[in-house]
PDB file of all heavy atoms in Angstrom:
ATOM      1  N   ILE A   1      62.119 150.051 127.810  1.00  0.00           N
ATOM      2  CA  ILE A   1      61.652 148.720 127.444  1.00  0.00           C
ATOM      3  C   ILE A   1      60.589 148.253 128.432  1.00  0.00           C
ATOM      4  O   ILE A   1      60.408 148.854 129.490  1.00  0.00           O
ATOM      5  CB  ILE A   1      62.814 147.693 127.419  1.00  0.00           C
ATOM      6  CG1 ILE A   1      63.423 147.545 128.825  1.00  0.00           C
ATOM      7  CG2 ILE A   1      63.884 148.097 126.411  1.00  0.00           C
ATOM      8  CD1 ILE A   1      64.486 146.466 128.923  1.00  0.00           C
ATOM      9  N   SER A   2      59.904 147.175 128.095  1.00  0.00           N
ATOM     10  CA  SER A   2      58.959 146.552 129.019  1.00  0.00           C
ATOM     11  C   SER A   2      59.719 145.729 130.053  1.00  0.00           C
ATOM     12  O   SER A   2      60.810 145.220 129.765  1.00  0.00           O
ATOM     13  CB  SER A   2      58.004 145.645 128.239  1.00  0.00           C
ATOM     14  OG  SER A   2      57.236 144.842 129.121  1.00  0.00           O
ATOM     15  N   ASP A   3      59.150 145.585 131.243  1.00  0.00           N
ATOM     16  CA  ASP A   3      59.831 144.790 132.271  1.00  0.00           C
ATOM     17  C   ASP A   3      60.029 143.334 131.826  1.00  0.00           C
ATOM     18  O   ASP A   3      60.991 142.684 132.220  1.00  0.00           O
ATOM     19  CB  ASP A   3      59.105 144.853 133.612  1.00  0.00           C
ATOM     20  CG  ASP A   3      57.680 144.310 133.570  1.00  0.00           C
ATOM     21  OD1 ASP A   3      57.150 144.064 132.466  1.00  0.00           O
ATOM     22  OD2 ASP A   3      57.085 144.142 134.658  1.00  0.00           O
ATOM     23  N   THR A   4      59.137 142.832 130.963  1.00  0.00           N
ATOM     24  CA  THR A   4      59.264 141.450 130.496  1.00  0.00           C
ATOM     25  C   THR A   4      60.385 141.285 129.469  1.00  0.00           C
ATOM     26  O   THR A   4      60.735 140.163 129.108  1.00  0.00           O
ATOM     27  CB  THR A   4      57.944 140.958 129.888  1.00  0.00           C
ATOM     28  OG1 THR A   4      57.525 141.860 128.865  1.00  0.00           O
ATOM     29  CG2 THR A   4      56.863 140.864 130.949  1.00  0.00           C
ATOM     30  N   ASP A   5      60.942 142.415 129.000  1.00  0.00           N
ATOM     31  CA  ASP A   5      62.080 142.351 128.087  1.00  0.00           C
ATOM     32  C   ASP A   5      63.401 142.184 128.837  1.00  0.00           C
ATOM     33  O   ASP A   5      64.449 142.041 128.211  1.00  0.00           O
ATOM     34  CB  ASP A   5      62.147 143.598 127.200  1.00  0.00           C
ATOM     35  CG  ASP A   5      61.130 143.558 126.079  1.00  0.00           C
ATOM     36  OD1 ASP A   5      60.966 142.492 125.476  1.00  0.00           O
ATOM     37  OD2 ASP A   5      60.489 144.594 125.820  1.00  0.00           O
ATOM     38  N   ILE A   6      63.350 142.223 130.165  1.00  0.00           N
ATOM     39  CA  ILE A   6      64.531 141.876 130.956  1.00  0.00           C
ATOM     40  C   ILE A   6      64.495 140.369 131.154  1.00  0.00           C
ATOM     41  O   ILE A   6      63.668 139.841 131.888  1.00  0.00           O
ATOM     42  CB  ILE A   6      64.537 142.600 132.313  1.00  0.00           C
ATOM     43  CG1 ILE A   6      64.609 144.106 132.103  1.00  0.00           C
ATOM     44  CG2 ILE A   6      65.705 142.128 133.170  1.00  0.00           C
ATOM     45  CD1 ILE A   6      64.608 144.911 133.396  1.00  0.00           C
ATOM     46  N   ILE A   7      65.374 139.654 130.465  1.00  0.00           N
ATOM     47  CA  ILE A   7      65.282 138.199 130.438  1.00  0.00           C
ATOM     48  C   ILE A   7      66.207 137.510 131.432  1.00  0.00           C
ATOM     49  O   ILE A   7      66.043 136.325 131.709  1.00  0.00           O
ATOM     50  CB  ILE A   7      65.560 137.659 129.019  1.00  0.00           C
ATOM     51  CG1 ILE A   7      66.958 138.048 128.546  1.00  0.00           C
ATOM     52  CG2 ILE A   7      64.499 138.177 128.048  1.00  0.00           C
ATOM     53  CD1 ILE A   7      67.308 137.463 127.184  1.00  0.00           C
ATOM     54  N   ALA A   8      67.166 138.251 131.984  1.00  0.00           N
ATOM     55  CA  ALA A   8      68.062 137.646 132.968  1.00  0.00           C
ATOM     56  C   ALA A   8      68.710 138.722 133.818  1.00  0.00           C
ATOM     57  O   ALA A   8      68.875 139.874 133.389  1.00  0.00           O
ATOM     58  CB  ALA A   8      69.136 136.801 132.289  1.00  0.00           C
ATOM     59  N   LEU A   9      69.066 138.335 135.025  1.00  0.00           N
ATOM     60  CA  LEU A   9      69.767 139.213 135.960  1.00  0.00           C
ATOM     61  C   LEU A   9      71.173 138.667 136.142  1.00  0.00           C
ATOM     62  O   LEU A   9      71.358 137.456 136.311  1.00  0.00           O
ATOM     63  CB  LEU A   9      69.027 139.221 137.296  1.00  0.00           C
ATOM     64  CG  LEU A   9      69.664 139.948 138.481  1.00  0.00           C
ATOM     65  CD1 LEU A   9      69.714 141.448 138.208  1.00  0.00           C
ATOM     66  CD2 LEU A   9      68.866 139.666 139.757  1.00  0.00           C
ATOM     67  N   MET A  10      72.168 139.542 136.068  1.00  0.00           N
ATOM     68  CA  MET A  10      73.551 139.110 136.256  1.00  0.00           C
ATOM     69  C   MET A  10      73.927 139.208 137.732  1.00  0.00           C
ATOM     70  O   MET A  10      73.825 140.282 138.332  1.00  0.00           O
ATOM     71  CB  MET A  10      74.495 139.969 135.419  1.00  0.00           C
ATOM     72  CG  MET A  10      74.281 139.868 133.924  1.00  0.00           C
ATOM     73  SD  MET A  10      74.559 138.200 133.259  1.00  0.00           S
ATOM     74  CE  MET A  10      76.338 138.023 133.515  1.00  0.00           C
ATOM     75  N   GLU A  11      74.335 138.099 138.316  1.00  0.00           N
ATOM     76  CA  GLU A  11      74.771 138.066 139.710  1.00  0.00           C
ATOM     77  C   GLU A  11      76.139 137.405 139.781  1.00  0.00           C
ATOM     78  O   GLU A  11      76.277 136.226 139.476  1.00  0.00           O
ATOM     79  CB  GLU A  11      73.769 137.313 140.581  1.00  0.00           C
ATOM     80  CG  GLU A  11      72.456 138.044 140.785  1.00  0.00           C
ATOM     81  CD  GLU A  11      71.563 137.379 141.811  1.00  0.00           C
ATOM     82  OE1 GLU A  11      71.880 136.246 142.226  1.00  0.00           O
ATOM     83  OE2 GLU A  11      70.551 137.982 142.198  1.00  0.00           O
ATOM     84  N   GLY A  12      77.147 138.189 140.179  1.00  0.00           N
ATOM     85  CA  GLY A  12      78.498 137.645 140.265  1.00  0.00           C
ATOM     86  C   GLY A  12      79.017 137.144 138.930  1.00  0.00           C
ATOM     87  O   GLY A  12      79.792 136.196 138.875  1.00  0.00           O
ATOM     88  N   GLY A  13      78.555 137.799 137.846  1.00  0.00           N
ATOM     89  CA  GLY A  13      78.983 137.385 136.515  1.00  0.00           C
ATOM     90  C   GLY A  13      78.200 136.228 135.942  1.00  0.00           C
ATOM     91  O   GLY A  13      78.448 135.801 134.812  1.00  0.00           O
ATOM     92  N   ASN A  14      77.235 135.702 136.703  1.00  0.00           N
ATOM     93  CA  ASN A  14      76.431 134.572 136.241  1.00  0.00           C
ATOM     94  C   ASN A  14      75.013 135.025 135.902  1.00  0.00           C
ATOM     95  O   ASN A  14      74.395 135.778 136.670  1.00  0.00           O
ATOM     96  CB  ASN A  14      76.363 133.491 137.324  1.00  0.00           C
ATOM     97  CG  ASN A  14      77.727 132.923 137.650  1.00  0.00           C
ATOM     98  OD1 ASN A  14      78.490 132.584 136.756  1.00  0.00           O
ATOM     99  ND2 ASN A  14      78.032 132.818 138.936  1.00  0.00           N
ATOM    100  N   PRO A  15      74.469 134.588 134.765  1.00  0.00           N
ATOM    101  CA  PRO A  15      73.105 134.976 134.389  1.00  0.00           C
ATOM    102  C   PRO A  15      72.057 134.156 135.135  1.00  0.00           C
ATOM    103  O   PRO A  15      72.137 132.930 135.203  1.00  0.00           O
ATOM    104  CB  PRO A  15      73.066 134.685 132.881  1.00  0.00           C
ATOM    105  CG  PRO A  15      74.070 133.591 132.686  1.00  0.00           C
ATOM    106  CD  PRO A  15      75.142 133.807 133.720  1.00  0.00           C
ATOM    107  N   ILE A  16      71.090 134.840 135.723  1.00  0.00           N
ATOM    108  CA  ILE A  16      69.953 134.199 136.383  1.00  0.00           C
ATOM    109  C   ILE A  16      68.728 134.463 135.523  1.00  0.00           C
ATOM    110  O   ILE A  16      68.256 135.615 135.441  1.00  0.00           O
ATOM    111  CB  ILE A  16      69.716 134.779 137.795  1.00  0.00           C
ATOM    112  CG1 ILE A  16      71.005 134.783 138.615  1.00  0.00           C
ATOM    113  CG2 ILE A  16      68.611 134.021 138.499  1.00  0.00           C
ATOM    114  CD1 ILE A  16      71.608 133.421 138.847  1.00  0.00           C
ATOM    115  N   PRO A  17      68.199 133.456 134.825  1.00  0.00           N
ATOM    116  CA  PRO A  17      67.063 133.706 133.936  1.00  0.00           C
ATOM    117  C   PRO A  17      65.826 134.168 134.704  1.00  0.00           C
ATOM    118  O   PRO A  17      65.575 133.713 135.826  1.00  0.00           O
ATOM    119  CB  PRO A  17      66.829 132.343 133.263  1.00  0.00           C
ATOM    120  CG  PRO A  17      67.443 131.347 134.190  1.00  0.00           C
ATOM    121  CD  PRO A  17      68.595 132.034 134.842  1.00  0.00           C
ATOM    122  N   LEU A  18      65.077 135.079 134.094  1.00  0.00           N
ATOM    123  CA  LEU A  18      63.852 135.603 134.695  1.00  0.00           C
ATOM    124  C   LEU A  18      62.655 135.243 133.824  1.00  0.00           C
ATOM    125  O   LEU A  18      62.800 134.762 132.706  1.00  0.00           O
ATOM    126  CB  LEU A  18      63.943 137.130 134.839  1.00  0.00           C
ATOM    127  CG  LEU A  18      65.130 137.682 135.643  1.00  0.00           C
ATOM    128  CD1 LEU A  18      65.105 139.211 135.619  1.00  0.00           C
ATOM    129  CD2 LEU A  18      65.121 137.165 137.076  1.00  0.00           C
ATOM    130  N   TRP A  19      61.463 135.501 134.366  1.00  0.00           N
ATOM    131  CA  TRP A  19      60.213 135.232 133.658  1.00  0.00           C
ATOM    132  C   TRP A  19      60.182 133.790 133.140  1.00  0.00           C
ATOM    133  O   TRP A  19      60.510 132.870 133.864  1.00  0.00           O
ATOM    134  CB  TRP A  19      60.020 136.244 132.519  1.00  0.00           C
ATOM    135  CG  TRP A  19      59.981 137.669 132.962  1.00  0.00           C
ATOM    136  CD1 TRP A  19      60.966 138.606 132.837  1.00  0.00           C
ATOM    137  CD2 TRP A  19      58.907 138.338 133.634  1.00  0.00           C
ATOM    138  NE1 TRP A  19      60.582 139.802 133.371  1.00  0.00           N
ATOM    139  CE2 TRP A  19      59.311 139.682 133.861  1.00  0.00           C
ATOM    140  CE3 TRP A  19      57.636 137.950 134.049  1.00  0.00           C
ATOM    141  CZ2 TRP A  19      58.493 140.612 134.502  1.00  0.00           C
ATOM    142  CZ3 TRP A  19      56.814 138.891 134.672  1.00  0.00           C
ATOM    143  CH2 TRP A  19      57.253 140.191 134.892  1.00  0.00           C
ATOM    144  N   GLY A  20      59.819 133.623 131.864  1.00  0.00           N
ATOM    145  CA  GLY A  20      59.738 132.279 131.299  1.00  0.00           C
ATOM    146  C   GLY A  20      60.957 131.915 130.490  1.00  0.00           C
ATOM    147  O   GLY A  20      60.852 131.195 129.487  1.00  0.00           O
ATOM    148  N   ASN A  21      62.115 132.374 130.903  1.00  0.00           N
ATOM    149  CA  ASN A  21      63.351 132.115 130.158  1.00  0.00           C
ATOM    150  C   ASN A  21      64.175 131.014 130.811  1.00  0.00           C
ATOM    151  O   ASN A  21      64.072 130.772 132.018  1.00  0.00           O
ATOM    152  CB  ASN A  21      64.168 133.408 130.047  1.00  0.00           C
ATOM    153  CG  ASN A  21      63.439 134.462 129.248  1.00  0.00           C
ATOM    154  OD1 ASN A  21      63.231 134.323 128.044  1.00  0.00           O
ATOM    155  ND2 ASN A  21      63.007 135.528 129.917  1.00  0.00           N
ATOM    156  N   VAL A  22      64.990 130.379 129.988  1.00  0.00           N
ATOM    157  CA  VAL A  22      65.758 129.214 130.429  1.00  0.00           C
ATOM    158  C   VAL A  22      67.202 129.371 129.965  1.00  0.00           C
ATOM    159  O   VAL A  22      67.453 129.756 128.817  1.00  0.00           O
ATOM    160  CB  VAL A  22      65.163 127.911 129.845  1.00  0.00           C
ATOM    161  CG1 VAL A  22      65.969 126.701 130.276  1.00  0.00           C
ATOM    162  CG2 VAL A  22      63.702 127.762 130.276  1.00  0.00           C
ATOM    163  N   LEU A  23      68.131 129.083 130.842  1.00  0.00           N
ATOM    164  CA  LEU A  23      69.553 129.100 130.502  1.00  0.00           C
ATOM    165  C   LEU A  23      69.978 127.690 130.119  1.00  0.00           C
ATOM    166  O   LEU A  23      69.773 126.744 130.891  1.00  0.00           O
ATOM    167  CB  LEU A  23      70.383 129.592 131.691  1.00  0.00           C
ATOM    168  CG  LEU A  23      71.907 129.650 131.507  1.00  0.00           C
ATOM    169  CD1 LEU A  23      72.285 130.685 130.451  1.00  0.00           C
ATOM    170  CD2 LEU A  23      72.593 129.966 132.836  1.00  0.00           C
ATOM    171  N   VAL A  24      70.538 127.532 128.929  1.00  0.00           N
ATOM    172  CA  VAL A  24      70.946 126.211 128.456  1.00  0.00           C
ATOM    173  C   VAL A  24      72.401 126.226 127.993  1.00  0.00           C
ATOM    174  O   VAL A  24      72.937 127.274 127.639  1.00  0.00           O
ATOM    175  CB  VAL A  24      70.058 125.715 127.287  1.00  0.00           C
ATOM    176  CG1 VAL A  24      68.608 125.609 127.710  1.00  0.00           C
ATOM    177  CG2 VAL A  24      70.191 126.626 126.076  1.00  0.00           C
ATOM    178  N   LYS A  25      72.998 125.067 128.013  1.00  0.00           N
ATOM    179  CA  LYS A  25      74.340 124.888 127.467  1.00  0.00           C
ATOM    180  C   LYS A  25      74.221 123.931 126.286  1.00  0.00           C
ATOM    181  O   LYS A  25      73.969 122.741 126.469  1.00  0.00           O
ATOM    182  CB  LYS A  25      75.291 124.311 128.511  1.00  0.00           C
ATOM    183  CG  LYS A  25      76.692 124.060 127.965  1.00  0.00           C
ATOM    184  CD  LYS A  25      77.588 123.390 129.001  1.00  0.00           C
ATOM    185  CE  LYS A  25      78.969 123.104 128.416  1.00  0.00           C
ATOM    186  NZ  LYS A  25      79.841 122.391 129.383  1.00  0.00           N
ATOM    187  N   PRO A  26      74.374 124.429 125.061  1.00  0.00           N
ATOM    188  CA  PRO A  26      74.283 123.553 123.885  1.00  0.00           C
ATOM    189  C   PRO A  26      75.306 122.421 123.964  1.00  0.00           C
ATOM    190  O   PRO A  26      76.409 122.599 124.480  1.00  0.00           O
ATOM    191  CB  PRO A  26      74.577 124.500 122.716  1.00  0.00           C
ATOM    192  CG  PRO A  26      74.169 125.845 123.219  1.00  0.00           C
ATOM    193  CD  PRO A  26      74.549 125.843 124.684  1.00  0.00           C
ATOM    194  N   HIS A  27      74.923 121.276 123.454  1.00  0.00           N
ATOM    195  CA  HIS A  27      75.786 120.103 123.486  1.00  0.00           C
ATOM    196  C   HIS A  27      76.928 120.196 122.473  1.00  0.00           C
ATOM    197  O   HIS A  27      76.773 120.786 121.410  1.00  0.00           O
ATOM    198  CB  HIS A  27      74.982 118.839 123.183  1.00  0.00           C
ATOM    199  CG  HIS A  27      74.053 118.456 124.289  1.00  0.00           C
ATOM    200  ND1 HIS A  27      72.838 117.869 124.062  1.00  0.00           N
ATOM    201  CD2 HIS A  27      74.165 118.582 125.639  1.00  0.00           C
ATOM    202  CE1 HIS A  27      72.236 117.632 125.220  1.00  0.00           C
ATOM    203  NE2 HIS A  27      73.021 118.063 126.185  1.00  0.00           N
ATOM    204  N   ASP A  28      78.043 119.572 122.806  1.00  0.00           N
ATOM    205  CA  ASP A  28      79.093 119.392 121.813  1.00  0.00           C
ATOM    206  C   ASP A  28      78.768 118.144 121.001  1.00  0.00           C
ATOM    207  O   ASP A  28      77.755 117.472 121.225  1.00  0.00           O
ATOM    208  CB  ASP A  28      80.483 119.322 122.452  1.00  0.00           C
ATOM    209  CG  ASP A  28      80.623 118.156 123.427  1.00  0.00           C
ATOM    210  OD1 ASP A  28      79.895 117.152 123.285  1.00  0.00           O
ATOM    211  OD2 ASP A  28      81.469 118.248 124.339  1.00  0.00           O
ATOM    212  N   ILE A  29      79.614 117.813 120.054  1.00  0.00           N
ATOM    213  CA  ILE A  29      79.310 116.713 119.127  1.00  0.00           C
ATOM    214  C   ILE A  29      79.117 115.379 119.839  1.00  0.00           C
ATOM    215  O   ILE A  29      78.178 114.633 119.565  1.00  0.00           O
ATOM    216  CB  ILE A  29      80.416 116.585 118.062  1.00  0.00           C
ATOM    217  CG1 ILE A  29      80.447 117.840 117.189  1.00  0.00           C
ATOM    218  CG2 ILE A  29      80.189 115.354 117.193  1.00  0.00           C
ATOM    219  CD1 ILE A  29      79.171 118.106 116.440  1.00  0.00           C
ATOM    220  N   SER A  30      79.994 115.057 120.798  1.00  0.00           N
ATOM    221  CA  SER A  30      79.883 113.759 121.477  1.00  0.00           C
ATOM    222  C   SER A  30      78.590 113.663 122.271  1.00  0.00           C
ATOM    223  O   SER A  30      77.920 112.626 122.280  1.00  0.00           O
ATOM    224  CB  SER A  30      81.081 113.537 122.400  1.00  0.00           C
ATOM    225  OG  SER A  30      81.142 114.542 123.399  1.00  0.00           O
ATOM    226  N   GLU A  31      78.219 114.764 122.953  1.00  0.00           N
ATOM    227  CA  GLU A  31      76.976 114.777 123.709  1.00  0.00           C
ATOM    228  C   GLU A  31      75.783 114.686 122.776  1.00  0.00           C
ATOM    229  O   GLU A  31      74.776 114.047 123.078  1.00  0.00           O
ATOM    230  CB  GLU A  31      76.894 116.051 124.548  1.00  0.00           C
ATOM    231  CG  GLU A  31      77.907 116.117 125.677  1.00  0.00           C
ATOM    232  CD  GLU A  31      77.889 117.469 126.363  1.00  0.00           C
ATOM    233  OE1 GLU A  31      77.892 118.493 125.643  1.00  0.00           O
ATOM    234  OE2 GLU A  31      77.893 117.496 127.590  1.00  0.00           O
ATOM    235  N   THR A  32      75.877 115.324 121.616  1.00  0.00           N
ATOM    236  CA  THR A  32      74.786 115.316 120.647  1.00  0.00           C
ATOM    237  C   THR A  32      74.533 113.907 120.121  1.00  0.00           C
ATOM    238  O   THR A  32      73.385 113.485 119.968  1.00  0.00           O
ATOM    239  CB  THR A  32      75.108 116.261 119.472  1.00  0.00           C
ATOM    240  OG1 THR A  32      75.217 117.595 119.973  1.00  0.00           O
ATOM    241  CG2 THR A  32      74.011 116.223 118.426  1.00  0.00           C
ATOM    242  N   ASP A  33      75.594 113.159 119.845  1.00  0.00           N
ATOM    243  CA  ASP A  33      75.437 111.778 119.396  1.00  0.00           C
ATOM    244  C   ASP A  33      74.673 110.954 120.425  1.00  0.00           C
ATOM    245  O   ASP A  33      73.814 110.132 120.091  1.00  0.00           O
ATOM    246  CB  ASP A  33      76.811 111.149 119.142  1.00  0.00           C
ATOM    247  CG  ASP A  33      77.495 111.721 117.910  1.00  0.00           C
ATOM    248  OD1 ASP A  33      76.781 112.299 117.058  1.00  0.00           O
ATOM    249  OD2 ASP A  33      78.732 111.593 117.791  1.00  0.00           O
ATOM    250  N   GLU A  34      74.982 111.200 121.700  1.00  0.00           N
ATOM    251  CA  GLU A  34      74.299 110.474 122.775  1.00  0.00           C
ATOM    252  C   GLU A  34      72.824 110.856 122.823  1.00  0.00           C
ATOM    253  O   GLU A  34      71.951 110.000 123.014  1.00  0.00           O
ATOM    254  CB  GLU A  34      74.964 110.791 124.113  1.00  0.00           C
ATOM    255  CG  GLU A  34      74.362 110.049 125.291  1.00  0.00           C
ATOM    256  CD  GLU A  34      75.062 110.380 126.598  1.00  0.00           C
ATOM    257  OE1 GLU A  34      76.130 111.020 126.558  1.00  0.00           O
ATOM    258  OE2 GLU A  34      74.531 109.999 127.658  1.00  0.00           O
ATOM    259  N   VAL A  35      72.533 112.150 122.623  1.00  0.00           N
ATOM    260  CA  VAL A  35      71.153 112.617 122.637  1.00  0.00           C
ATOM    261  C   VAL A  35      70.361 111.998 121.491  1.00  0.00           C
ATOM    262  O   VAL A  35      69.219 111.569 121.660  1.00  0.00           O
ATOM    263  CB  VAL A  35      71.101 114.161 122.536  1.00  0.00           C
ATOM    264  CG1 VAL A  35      69.692 114.644 122.216  1.00  0.00           C
ATOM    265  CG2 VAL A  35      71.575 114.773 123.847  1.00  0.00           C
ATOM    266  N   ILE A  36      70.983 111.927 120.310  1.00  0.00           N
ATOM    267  CA  ILE A  36      70.302 111.326 119.158  1.00  0.00           C
ATOM    268  C   ILE A  36      69.960 109.866 119.449  1.00  0.00           C
ATOM    269  O   ILE A  36      68.860 109.386 119.138  1.00  0.00           O
ATOM    270  CB  ILE A  36      71.176 111.432 117.892  1.00  0.00           C
ATOM    271  CG1 ILE A  36      71.288 112.903 117.451  1.00  0.00           C
ATOM    272  CG2 ILE A  36      70.598 110.594 116.755  1.00  0.00           C
ATOM    273  CD1 ILE A  36      72.233 113.125 116.289  1.00  0.00           C
TER     274      ILE A  36
END
């Protein structure tokens, strides 16, 4: 693969995003209502 296809590095079981990638936690319903 290309080096840019490596999107994250795993450290201690936790993903560390690389390049232009972002780690997000999608909202649950209550948080989503607040966002709206």
